Amino acid sequence: MAVEELYDKKVKCPVCETQFTSKKVKYSKLRVKSKDSDLLTYYKGENPLKYNVFICPMCGYAATEEKYNDISNDKKAIVRDKITSRWKEREFSTPRVIDEAIMCYKLALNCGDVLAFKKAYNGGLCLSIAWLYRMKNDKKNEGKFLGFALNLFVEAYSTESLINSSIDEITLAYLIGEIQRRLGNTDEAIKWFSNVVSHSLISTKPKIKKLAREQWNLVRENQKG
């Protein structure tokens, strides 16, 4: 692990106001190595995916960096009642190996479930967990969490507004199609890829359009074979 790639980010817990530090990867050190078709990015050196979850060592509140401070007073009370009451003080300020990163995301997912965060957000946590399992070549658990992500994403697409969300409708539809493909659901994959390329706003997402066409063609070729 290249520790020199990391720095300490100061964080203040919005629930209990504890100040703590969490490791982040220095932006200047990021070098993209490759990308998977479901948008997992690999880097030369440390992967920032491992450090995107902040966890308060005192109260146990856990969420991704972009979500961490977006919590209402009502939900803060739920954290204290449902999470902190069962929490044992732990430290998360050190460099993370993959298994530790998986644990951090699972803690965030537990918070997301308890706090009834949006399905799209919780689905993103499940997808990140699947990616981390892929990085350690654990295909069984990767498939398990891809399935969890798929169910949450489909529900989000049907029932949730994605305004002010970290994911847009076109990207969400693409990810649903790609996860369907990876799980062997070829007919569903084709349906979702078709939805992407025919979307009225697809011109605003040329990279997603290109990916959707590539994966759509891949599925159809595999069907022929």
C-alpha atoms as a PDB file:
ATOM      1  CA  MET A   1       0.000   0.000   0.000  1.00  0.00           C
ATOM      2  CA  ALA A   2       1.415   3.351  -1.077  1.00  0.00           C
ATOM      3  CA  VAL A   3       0.729   5.394   2.059  1.00  0.00           C
ATOM      4  CA  GLU A   4       2.294   8.506   0.515  1.00  0.00           C
ATOM      5  CA  GLU A   5      -0.714   8.629  -1.832  1.00  0.00           C
ATOM      6  CA  LEU A   6      -3.021   9.305   1.123  1.00  0.00           C
ATOM      7  CA  TYR A   7      -3.779  12.328   3.282  1.00  0.00           C
ATOM      8  CA  ASP A   8      -5.912  12.938   6.364  1.00  0.00           C
ATOM      9  CA  LYS A   9      -9.190  14.733   5.715  1.00  0.00           C
ATOM     10  CA  LYS A  10     -10.740  16.438   8.728  1.00  0.00           C
ATOM     11  CA  VAL A  11     -14.427  15.580   9.160  1.00  0.00           C
ATOM     12  CA  LYS A  12     -17.051  16.753  11.631  1.00  0.00           C
ATOM     13  CA  CYS A  13     -19.865  14.300  12.336  1.00  0.00           C
ATOM     14  CA  PRO A  14     -23.227  16.002  11.689  1.00  0.00           C
ATOM     15  CA  VAL A  15     -24.926  13.746  14.258  1.00  0.00           C
ATOM     16  CA  CYS A  16     -22.745  14.023  17.388  1.00  0.00           C
ATOM     17  CA  GLU A  17     -20.317  16.778  16.248  1.00  0.00           C
ATOM     18  CA  THR A  18     -17.258  14.633  16.910  1.00  0.00           C
ATOM     19  CA  GLN A  19     -14.258  15.726  14.856  1.00  0.00           C
ATOM     20  CA  PHE A  20     -12.203  12.952  13.299  1.00  0.00           C
ATOM     21  CA  THR A  21      -9.963  12.237  10.328  1.00  0.00           C
ATOM     22  CA  SER A  22     -10.506   9.900   7.406  1.00  0.00           C
ATOM     23  CA  LYS A  23      -7.972   8.913   4.764  1.00  0.00           C
ATOM     24  CA  LYS A  24      -8.406  10.154   1.193  1.00  0.00           C
ATOM     25  CA  VAL A  25      -6.327   9.633  -1.942  1.00  0.00           C
ATOM     26  CA  LYS A  26      -4.484  12.717  -3.145  1.00  0.00           C
ATOM     27  CA  TYR A  27      -6.063  13.882  -6.407  1.00  0.00           C
ATOM     28  CA  SER A  28      -2.622  14.591  -7.866  1.00  0.00           C
ATOM     29  CA  LYS A  29      -1.690  10.923  -7.406  1.00  0.00           C
ATOM     30  CA  LEU A  30      -4.655   9.479  -9.327  1.00  0.00           C
ATOM     31  CA  ARG A  31      -3.682   7.654 -12.523  1.00  0.00           C
ATOM     32  CA  VAL A  32      -6.449   5.743 -14.289  1.00  0.00           C
ATOM     33  CA  LYS A  33      -5.369   2.276 -15.406  1.00  0.00           C
ATOM     34  CA  SER A  34      -8.599   0.874 -16.856  1.00  0.00           C
ATOM     35  CA  LYS A  35     -12.392   0.894 -16.540  1.00  0.00           C
ATOM     36  CA  ASP A  36     -14.972  -1.877 -16.453  1.00  0.00           C
ATOM     37  CA  SER A  37     -18.183  -1.687 -18.446  1.00  0.00           C
ATOM     38  CA  ASP A  38     -20.222  -1.090 -15.275  1.00  0.00           C
ATOM     39  CA  LEU A  39     -18.124   2.023 -14.543  1.00  0.00           C
ATOM     40  CA  LEU A  40     -15.675   0.588 -11.996  1.00  0.00           C
ATOM     41  CA  THR A  41     -12.406   2.496 -12.426  1.00  0.00           C
ATOM     42  CA  TYR A  42      -9.009   0.951 -11.651  1.00  0.00           C
ATOM     43  CA  TYR A  43      -6.050   3.131 -10.739  1.00  0.00           C
ATOM     44  CA  LYS A  44      -2.299   2.736 -10.629  1.00  0.00           C
ATOM     45  CA  GLY A  45      -1.863   2.647  -6.877  1.00  0.00           C
ATOM     46  CA  GLU A  46      -4.541   3.307  -4.301  1.00  0.00           C
ATOM     47  CA  ASN A  47      -8.182   3.279  -5.402  1.00  0.00           C
ATOM     48  CA  PRO A  48     -10.240   6.176  -3.981  1.00  0.00           C
ATOM     49  CA  LEU A  49     -13.272   3.877  -3.922  1.00  0.00           C
ATOM     50  CA  LYS A  50     -11.891   2.402  -0.694  1.00  0.00           C
ATOM     51  CA  TYR A  51     -12.034   5.764   1.077  1.00  0.00           C
ATOM     52  CA  ASN A  52     -15.378   7.198  -0.040  1.00  0.00           C
ATOM     53  CA  VAL A  53     -17.177   6.253   3.195  1.00  0.00           C
ATOM     54  CA  PHE A  54     -16.826   8.375   6.334  1.00  0.00           C
ATOM     55  CA  ILE A  55     -17.619   6.709   9.682  1.00  0.00           C
ATOM     56  CA  CYS A  56     -17.880   8.559  12.965  1.00  0.00           C
ATOM     57  CA  PRO A  57     -15.844   6.601  15.536  1.00  0.00           C
ATOM     58  CA  MET A  58     -18.048   7.832  18.392  1.00  0.00           C
ATOM     59  CA  CYS A  59     -21.662   7.460  17.214  1.00  0.00           C
ATOM     60  CA  GLY A  60     -21.329   5.069  14.264  1.00  0.00           C
ATOM     61  CA  TYR A  61     -22.963   7.259  11.642  1.00  0.00           C
ATOM     62  CA  ALA A  62     -21.624   6.148   8.243  1.00  0.00           C
ATOM     63  CA  ALA A  63     -22.241   7.501   4.755  1.00  0.00           C
ATOM     64  CA  THR A  64     -20.391   8.368   1.572  1.00  0.00           C
ATOM     65  CA  GLU A  65     -18.530  11.666   1.488  1.00  0.00           C
ATOM     66  CA  GLU A  66     -21.078  13.394  -0.752  1.00  0.00           C
ATOM     67  CA  LYS A  67     -23.966  12.265   1.456  1.00  0.00           C
ATOM     68  CA  TYR A  68     -22.380  12.625   4.879  1.00  0.00           C
ATOM     69  CA  ASN A  69     -23.679  16.063   5.838  1.00  0.00           C
ATOM     70  CA  ASP A  70     -27.034  15.624   4.103  1.00  0.00           C
ATOM     71  CA  ILE A  71     -28.997  14.363   7.085  1.00  0.00           C
ATOM     72  CA  SER A  72     -32.093  15.871   8.709  1.00  0.00           C
ATOM     73  CA  ASN A  73     -32.628  16.371  12.429  1.00  0.00           C
ATOM     74  CA  ASP A  74     -35.229  13.593  12.422  1.00  0.00           C
ATOM     75  CA  LYS A  75     -32.713  11.166  10.927  1.00  0.00           C
ATOM     76  CA  LYS A  76     -30.036  12.264  13.403  1.00  0.00           C
ATOM     77  CA  ALA A  77     -32.392  11.193  16.172  1.00  0.00           C
ATOM     78  CA  ILE A  78     -32.838   7.819  14.464  1.00  0.00           C
ATOM     79  CA  VAL A  79     -29.054   7.377  14.319  1.00  0.00           C
ATOM     80  CA  ARG A  80     -28.792   7.987  18.058  1.00  0.00           C
ATOM     81  CA  ASP A  81     -31.643   5.591  18.801  1.00  0.00           C
ATOM     82  CA  LYS A  82     -30.992   2.775  16.328  1.00  0.00           C
ATOM     83  CA  ILE A  83     -27.240   2.905  15.659  1.00  0.00           C
ATOM     84  CA  THR A  84     -25.360   4.730  18.419  1.00  0.00           C
ATOM     85  CA  SER A  85     -27.191   2.788  21.145  1.00  0.00           C
ATOM     86  CA  ARG A  86     -25.594  -0.410  19.788  1.00  0.00           C
ATOM     87  CA  TRP A  87     -22.278   1.101  18.708  1.00  0.00           C
ATOM     88  CA  LYS A  88     -18.875   0.374  20.216  1.00  0.00           C
ATOM     89  CA  GLU A  89     -16.304   3.110  19.658  1.00  0.00           C
ATOM     90  CA  ARG A  90     -13.976   2.204  16.775  1.00  0.00           C
ATOM     91  CA  GLU A  91     -11.298   3.959  14.752  1.00  0.00           C
ATOM     92  CA  PHE A  92     -11.384   4.235  10.942  1.00  0.00           C
ATOM     93  CA  SER A  93      -8.613   6.762  10.295  1.00  0.00           C
ATOM     94  CA  THR A  94      -5.965   4.324   9.008  1.00  0.00           C
ATOM     95  CA  PRO A  95      -5.279   3.084   5.445  1.00  0.00           C
ATOM     96  CA  ARG A  96      -7.841   0.483   4.348  1.00  0.00           C
ATOM     97  CA  VAL A  97      -7.277  -2.876   2.738  1.00  0.00           C
ATOM     98  CA  ILE A  98     -10.166  -4.137   0.587  1.00  0.00           C
ATOM     99  CA  ASP A  99     -11.838  -6.147   3.368  1.00  0.00           C
ATOM    100  CA  GLU A 100     -11.853  -3.074   5.622  1.00  0.00           C
ATOM    101  CA  ALA A 101     -13.316  -0.975   2.810  1.00  0.00           C
ATOM    102  CA  ILE A 102     -16.062  -3.567   2.324  1.00  0.00           C
ATOM    103  CA  MET A 103     -16.876  -3.392   6.034  1.00  0.00           C
ATOM    104  CA  CYS A 104     -17.082   0.415   5.840  1.00  0.00           C
ATOM    105  CA  TYR A 105     -19.507   0.266   2.920  1.00  0.00           C
ATOM    106  CA  LYS A 106     -21.622  -2.321   4.723  1.00  0.00           C
ATOM    107  CA  LEU A 107     -21.817  -0.011   7.741  1.00  0.00           C
ATOM    108  CA  ALA A 108     -22.926   2.790   5.418  1.00  0.00           C
ATOM    109  CA  LEU A 109     -25.488   0.474   3.829  1.00  0.00           C
ATOM    110  CA  ASN A 110     -26.845  -0.417   7.257  1.00  0.00           C
ATOM    111  CA  CYS A 111     -27.230   3.294   8.008  1.00  0.00           C
ATOM    112  CA  GLY A 112     -28.849   3.813   4.624  1.00  0.00           C
ATOM    113  CA  ASP A 113     -31.384   1.075   5.364  1.00  0.00           C
ATOM    114  CA  VAL A 114     -32.115   2.293   8.900  1.00  0.00           C
ATOM    115  CA  LEU A 115     -32.490   5.900   7.736  1.00  0.00           C
ATOM    116  CA  ALA A 116     -34.525   4.969   4.636  1.00  0.00           C
ATOM    117  CA  PHE A 117     -32.184   6.801   2.287  1.00  0.00           C
ATOM    118  CA  LYS A 118     -33.130   6.685  -1.387  1.00  0.00           C
ATOM    119  CA  LYS A 119     -33.018   3.363  -3.212  1.00  0.00           C
ATOM    120  CA  ALA A 120     -30.652   4.833  -5.803  1.00  0.00           C
ATOM    121  CA  TYR A 121     -28.182   5.765  -3.064  1.00  0.00           C
ATOM    122  CA  ASN A 122     -28.365   2.401  -1.303  1.00  0.00           C
ATOM    123  CA  GLY A 123     -28.085   0.669  -4.668  1.00  0.00           C
ATOM    124  CA  GLY A 124     -24.902   2.626  -5.315  1.00  0.00           C
ATOM    125  CA  LEU A 125     -23.481   1.348  -2.031  1.00  0.00           C
ATOM    126  CA  CYS A 126     -24.310  -2.229  -3.061  1.00  0.00           C
ATOM    127  CA  LEU A 127     -22.648  -1.687  -6.436  1.00  0.00           C
ATOM    128  CA  SER A 128     -19.526  -0.332  -4.724  1.00  0.00           C
ATOM    129  CA  ILE A 129     -19.433  -3.400  -2.465  1.00  0.00           C
ATOM    130  CA  ALA A 130     -19.749  -5.629  -5.551  1.00  0.00           C
ATOM    131  CA  TRP A 131     -16.838  -3.745  -7.138  1.00  0.00           C
ATOM    132  CA  LEU A 132     -14.671  -4.260  -4.062  1.00  0.00           C
ATOM    133  CA  TYR A 133     -15.444  -7.974  -4.087  1.00  0.00           C
ATOM    134  CA  ARG A 134     -14.474  -8.014  -7.777  1.00  0.00           C
ATOM    135  CA  MET A 135     -11.168  -6.370  -6.893  1.00  0.00           C
ATOM    136  CA  LYS A 136     -10.428  -9.301  -4.552  1.00  0.00           C
ATOM    137  CA  ASN A 137     -11.744 -11.825  -7.112  1.00  0.00           C
ATOM    138  CA  ASP A 138     -14.644 -12.993  -4.922  1.00  0.00           C
ATOM    139  CA  LYS A 139     -17.155 -13.785  -7.675  1.00  0.00           C
ATOM    140  CA  LYS A 140     -19.816 -15.238  -5.374  1.00  0.00           C
ATOM    141  CA  ASN A 141     -20.154 -12.129  -3.232  1.00  0.00           C
ATOM    142  CA  GLU A 142     -19.722  -9.866  -6.253  1.00  0.00           C
ATOM    143  CA  GLY A 143     -22.757 -11.502  -7.857  1.00  0.00           C
ATOM    144  CA  LYS A 144     -24.711 -11.325  -4.609  1.00  0.00           C
ATOM    145  CA  PHE A 145     -24.251  -7.566  -4.261  1.00  0.00           C
ATOM    146  CA  LEU A 146     -24.777  -6.940  -7.978  1.00  0.00           C
ATOM    147  CA  GLY A 147     -28.174  -8.565  -7.429  1.00  0.00           C
ATOM    148  CA  PHE A 148     -28.898  -6.305  -4.459  1.00  0.00           C
ATOM    149  CA  ALA A 149     -27.856  -3.253  -6.502  1.00  0.00           C
ATOM    150  CA  LEU A 150     -30.042  -4.324  -9.414  1.00  0.00           C
ATOM    151  CA  ASN A 151     -33.179  -4.655  -7.299  1.00  0.00           C
ATOM    152  CA  LEU A 152     -32.640  -1.273  -5.668  1.00  0.00           C
ATOM    153  CA  PHE A 153     -31.809   0.451  -8.965  1.00  0.00           C
ATOM    154  CA  VAL A 154     -34.913  -0.923 -10.707  1.00  0.00           C
ATOM    155  CA  GLU A 155     -37.095   0.263  -7.836  1.00  0.00           C
ATOM    156  CA  ALA A 156     -35.383   3.657  -7.842  1.00  0.00           C
ATOM    157  CA  TYR A 157     -35.877   4.044 -11.593  1.00  0.00           C
ATOM    158  CA  SER A 158     -39.594   3.323 -11.239  1.00  0.00           C
ATOM    159  CA  THR A 159     -40.435   5.197  -8.052  1.00  0.00           C
ATOM    160  CA  GLU A 160     -37.869   7.884  -7.202  1.00  0.00           C
ATOM    161  CA  SER A 161     -37.011  11.352  -8.403  1.00  0.00           C
ATOM    162  CA  LEU A 162     -33.337  11.583  -9.289  1.00  0.00           C
ATOM    163  CA  ILE A 163     -33.222  15.369  -8.933  1.00  0.00           C
ATOM    164  CA  ASN A 164     -30.254  16.310  -6.708  1.00  0.00           C
ATOM    165  CA  SER A 165     -29.133  12.681  -6.836  1.00  0.00           C
ATOM    166  CA  SER A 166     -25.571  11.582  -7.543  1.00  0.00           C
ATOM    167  CA  ILE A 167     -26.827   9.548 -10.531  1.00  0.00           C
ATOM    168  CA  ASP A 168     -28.954  10.595 -13.513  1.00  0.00           C
ATOM    169  CA  GLU A 169     -31.732   8.637 -15.215  1.00  0.00           C
ATOM    170  CA  ILE A 170     -29.696   7.664 -18.290  1.00  0.00           C
ATOM    171  CA  THR A 171     -26.723   6.373 -16.302  1.00  0.00           C
ATOM    172  CA  LEU A 172     -29.046   4.494 -13.945  1.00  0.00           C
ATOM    173  CA  ALA A 173     -30.810   2.811 -16.879  1.00  0.00           C
ATOM    174  CA  TYR A 174     -27.444   1.866 -18.370  1.00  0.00           C
ATOM    175  CA  LEU A 175     -26.227   0.353 -15.094  1.00  0.00           C
ATOM    176  CA  ILE A 176     -29.432  -1.666 -14.784  1.00  0.00           C
ATOM    177  CA  GLY A 177     -28.870  -3.038 -18.280  1.00  0.00           C
ATOM    178  CA  GLU A 178     -25.204  -3.813 -17.641  1.00  0.00           C
ATOM    179  CA  ILE A 179     -25.897  -5.532 -14.319  1.00  0.00           C
ATOM    180  CA  GLN A 180     -28.631  -7.565 -16.020  1.00  0.00           C
ATOM    181  CA  ARG A 181     -26.072  -8.591 -18.640  1.00  0.00           C
ATOM    182  CA  ARG A 182     -23.474  -9.528 -16.040  1.00  0.00           C
ATOM    183  CA  LEU A 183     -26.045 -11.632 -14.181  1.00  0.00           C
ATOM    184  CA  GLY A 184     -27.016 -13.458 -17.378  1.00  0.00           C
ATOM    185  CA  ASN A 185     -30.409 -11.815 -17.888  1.00  0.00           C
ATOM    186  CA  THR A 186     -29.888 -11.125 -21.591  1.00  0.00           C
ATOM    187  CA  ASP A 187     -33.450 -10.212 -22.601  1.00  0.00           C
ATOM    188  CA  GLU A 188     -33.704  -7.691 -19.775  1.00  0.00           C
ATOM    189  CA  ALA A 189     -30.262  -6.327 -20.631  1.00  0.00           C
ATOM    190  CA  ILE A 190     -31.298  -5.709 -24.251  1.00  0.00           C
ATOM    191  CA  LYS A 191     -34.483  -3.973 -23.107  1.00  0.00           C
ATOM    192  CA  TRP A 192     -32.603  -1.585 -20.828  1.00  0.00           C
ATOM    193  CA  PHE A 193     -29.829  -0.856 -23.335  1.00  0.00           C
ATOM    194  CA  SER A 194     -32.543  -0.072 -25.893  1.00  0.00           C
ATOM    195  CA  ASN A 195     -34.134   2.329 -23.411  1.00  0.00           C
ATOM    196  CA  VAL A 196     -30.795   4.086 -23.017  1.00  0.00           C
ATOM    197  CA  VAL A 197     -29.981   4.597 -26.693  1.00  0.00           C
ATOM    198  CA  SER A 198     -33.530   5.797 -27.459  1.00  0.00           C
ATOM    199  CA  HIS A 199     -33.727   8.181 -24.487  1.00  0.00           C
ATOM    200  CA  SER A 200     -34.667  11.722 -25.473  1.00  0.00           C
ATOM    201  CA  LEU A 201     -31.669  13.171 -23.609  1.00  0.00           C
ATOM    202  CA  ILE A 202     -29.073  10.597 -24.680  1.00  0.00           C
ATOM    203  CA  SER A 203     -27.177  13.237 -26.691  1.00  0.00           C
ATOM    204  CA  THR A 204     -26.102  14.744 -23.353  1.00  0.00           C
ATOM    205  CA  LYS A 205     -24.407  11.473 -22.405  1.00  0.00           C
ATOM    206  CA  PRO A 206     -22.298  10.414 -25.434  1.00  0.00           C
ATOM    207  CA  LYS A 207     -20.031   8.108 -23.413  1.00  0.00           C
ATOM    208  CA  ILE A 208     -23.001   6.263 -21.912  1.00  0.00           C
ATOM    209  CA  LYS A 209     -24.595   6.007 -25.361  1.00  0.00           C
ATOM    210  CA  LYS A 210     -21.404   4.469 -26.754  1.00  0.00           C
ATOM    211  CA  LEU A 211     -21.195   1.995 -23.867  1.00  0.00           C
ATOM    212  CA  ALA A 212     -24.860   1.030 -24.210  1.00  0.00           C
ATOM    213  CA  ARG A 213     -24.461   0.342 -27.939  1.00  0.00           C
ATOM    214  CA  GLU A 214     -21.305  -1.707 -27.343  1.00  0.00           C
ATOM    215  CA  GLN A 215     -22.903  -3.818 -24.619  1.00  0.00           C
ATOM    216  CA  TRP A 216     -26.139  -4.183 -26.597  1.00  0.00           C
ATOM    217  CA  ASN A 217     -24.149  -5.509 -29.573  1.00  0.00           C
ATOM    218  CA  LEU A 218     -22.163  -7.806 -27.264  1.00  0.00           C
ATOM    219  CA  VAL A 219     -25.349  -9.359 -25.855  1.00  0.00           C
ATOM    220  CA  ARG A 220     -26.846  -9.857 -29.316  1.00  0.00           C
ATOM    221  CA  GLU A 221     -23.640 -11.440 -30.623  1.00  0.00           C
ATOM    222  CA  ASN A 222     -23.546 -13.801 -27.648  1.00  0.00           C
ATOM    223  CA  GLN A 223     -27.152 -14.776 -28.325  1.00  0.00           C
ATOM    224  CA  LYS A 224     -26.278 -15.626 -31.915  1.00  0.00           C
ATOM    225  CA  GLY A 225     -23.310 -17.691 -30.762  1.00  0.00           C
END
